[in-house]
C-alpha cells in the first residue's frame, strides 16, 4: 500500500506544479480558470 501512496503523492505534486505554472503564465486567461477547476476537484 505504501508504494501506491507514494506514487499518488508524486503524481499529485507534479500536477500541482504544472497547475501553478499555468496559473503564473495565464493568470487572467482561460487556463487559470481551468487550472482552478482541476485543483478544486
N, C-alpha and C. Protein backbone atom coordinates (compact mmCIF):
# COMPACT_ATOMS: atom_id res chain seq x y z
N UNK A 1 0.83 -1.21 0.00
CA UNK A 1 0.00 0.00 0.00
C UNK A 1 0.87 1.26 0.00
N UNK A 2 2.00 1.21 0.67
CA UNK A 2 2.86 2.39 0.74
C UNK A 2 3.32 2.81 -0.66
N UNK A 3 3.61 1.81 -1.49
CA UNK A 3 4.07 2.13 -2.85
C UNK A 3 3.03 2.96 -3.59
N UNK A 4 1.78 2.55 -3.53
CA UNK A 4 0.72 3.27 -4.24
C UNK A 4 0.53 4.67 -3.66
N UNK A 5 0.68 4.79 -2.35
CA UNK A 5 0.55 6.10 -1.71
C UNK A 5 1.64 7.03 -2.21
N UNK A 6 2.86 6.53 -2.32
CA UNK A 6 3.97 7.34 -2.81
C UNK A 6 3.74 7.77 -4.25
N UNK A 7 3.29 6.84 -5.08
CA UNK A 7 3.03 7.15 -6.49
C UNK A 7 1.97 8.22 -6.61
N UNK A 8 0.88 8.07 -5.87
CA UNK A 8 -0.19 9.06 -5.91
C UNK A 8 0.31 10.42 -5.44
N UNK A 9 1.16 10.41 -4.42
CA UNK A 9 1.71 11.65 -3.88
C UNK A 9 2.56 12.34 -4.93
N UNK A 10 3.40 11.58 -5.64
CA UNK A 10 4.25 12.15 -6.69
C UNK A 10 3.39 12.72 -7.82
N UNK A 11 2.39 11.97 -8.24
CA UNK A 11 1.53 12.43 -9.32
C UNK A 11 0.79 13.70 -8.91
N UNK A 12 0.34 13.76 -7.67
CA UNK A 12 -0.39 14.93 -7.19
C UNK A 12 0.55 16.14 -7.16
N UNK A 13 1.79 15.95 -6.71
CA UNK A 13 2.76 17.04 -6.65
C UNK A 13 3.07 17.56 -8.04
N UNK A 14 3.29 16.65 -8.98
CA UNK A 14 3.59 17.05 -10.35
C UNK A 14 2.43 17.83 -10.95
N UNK A 15 1.21 17.38 -10.69
CA UNK A 15 0.04 18.04 -11.23
C UNK A 15 -0.09 19.44 -10.63
N UNK A 16 0.20 19.56 -9.34
CA UNK A 16 0.10 20.86 -8.68
C UNK A 16 1.12 21.83 -9.25
N UNK A 17 2.36 21.38 -9.45
CA UNK A 17 3.39 22.25 -10.01
C UNK A 17 3.00 22.69 -11.42
N UNK A 18 2.51 21.75 -12.23
CA UNK A 18 2.08 22.05 -13.58
C UNK A 18 0.97 23.10 -13.55
N UNK A 19 0.07 22.93 -12.59
CA UNK A 19 -1.05 23.84 -12.42
C UNK A 19 -0.55 25.24 -12.07
N UNK A 20 0.40 25.31 -11.15
CA UNK A 20 0.93 26.60 -10.74
C UNK A 20 1.64 27.31 -11.89
N UNK A 21 2.31 26.55 -12.74
CA UNK A 21 2.97 27.16 -13.90
C UNK A 21 1.95 27.83 -14.81
N UNK A 22 0.84 27.13 -15.08
CA UNK A 22 -0.20 27.73 -15.92
C UNK A 22 -0.83 28.94 -15.23
N UNK A 23 -1.00 28.84 -13.91
CA UNK A 23 -1.54 29.97 -13.15
C UNK A 23 -0.64 31.19 -13.31
N UNK A 24 0.66 30.96 -13.26
CA UNK A 24 1.63 32.06 -13.34
C UNK A 24 1.62 32.73 -14.70
N UNK A 25 1.60 31.91 -15.76
CA UNK A 25 1.71 32.45 -17.12
C UNK A 25 0.38 32.87 -17.73
N UNK A 26 -0.72 32.38 -17.16
CA UNK A 26 -2.03 32.68 -17.76
C UNK A 26 -3.01 33.10 -16.68
N UNK A 27 -2.58 34.00 -15.82
CA UNK A 27 -3.37 34.36 -14.64
C UNK A 27 -4.73 34.94 -15.02
N UNK A 28 -4.78 35.71 -16.09
CA UNK A 28 -6.04 36.35 -16.48
C UNK A 28 -6.68 35.69 -17.69
N UNK A 29 -6.25 34.45 -17.97
CA UNK A 29 -6.76 33.77 -19.16
C UNK A 29 -7.62 32.56 -18.77
N UNK A 30 -8.12 31.89 -19.79
CA UNK A 30 -8.97 30.71 -19.58
C UNK A 30 -8.22 29.60 -18.83
N UNK A 31 -6.92 29.46 -19.10
CA UNK A 31 -6.16 28.37 -18.50
C UNK A 31 -6.17 28.46 -16.98
N UNK A 32 -6.12 29.67 -16.44
CA UNK A 32 -6.12 29.81 -14.98
C UNK A 32 -7.45 29.32 -14.40
N UNK A 33 -8.55 29.59 -15.09
CA UNK A 33 -9.85 29.10 -14.63
C UNK A 33 -9.92 27.58 -14.70
N UNK A 34 -9.41 27.03 -15.79
CA UNK A 34 -9.39 25.58 -15.97
C UNK A 34 -8.52 24.94 -14.90
N UNK A 35 -7.39 25.56 -14.62
CA UNK A 35 -6.47 25.06 -13.62
C UNK A 35 -7.13 25.07 -12.25
N UNK A 36 -7.83 26.16 -11.94
CA UNK A 36 -8.51 26.24 -10.66
C UNK A 36 -9.53 25.13 -10.49
N UNK A 37 -10.24 24.82 -11.57
CA UNK A 37 -11.23 23.75 -11.53
C UNK A 37 -10.56 22.41 -11.24
N UNK A 38 -9.40 22.19 -11.86
CA UNK A 38 -8.67 20.93 -11.65
C UNK A 38 -8.17 20.85 -10.20
N UNK A 39 -7.66 21.98 -9.70
CA UNK A 39 -7.12 21.99 -8.34
C UNK A 39 -8.21 21.68 -7.31
N UNK A 40 -9.40 22.26 -7.51
CA UNK A 40 -10.50 22.05 -6.58
C UNK A 40 -10.96 20.60 -6.60
N UNK A 41 -11.06 20.03 -7.79
CA UNK A 41 -11.50 18.64 -7.92
C UNK A 41 -10.33 17.69 -7.80
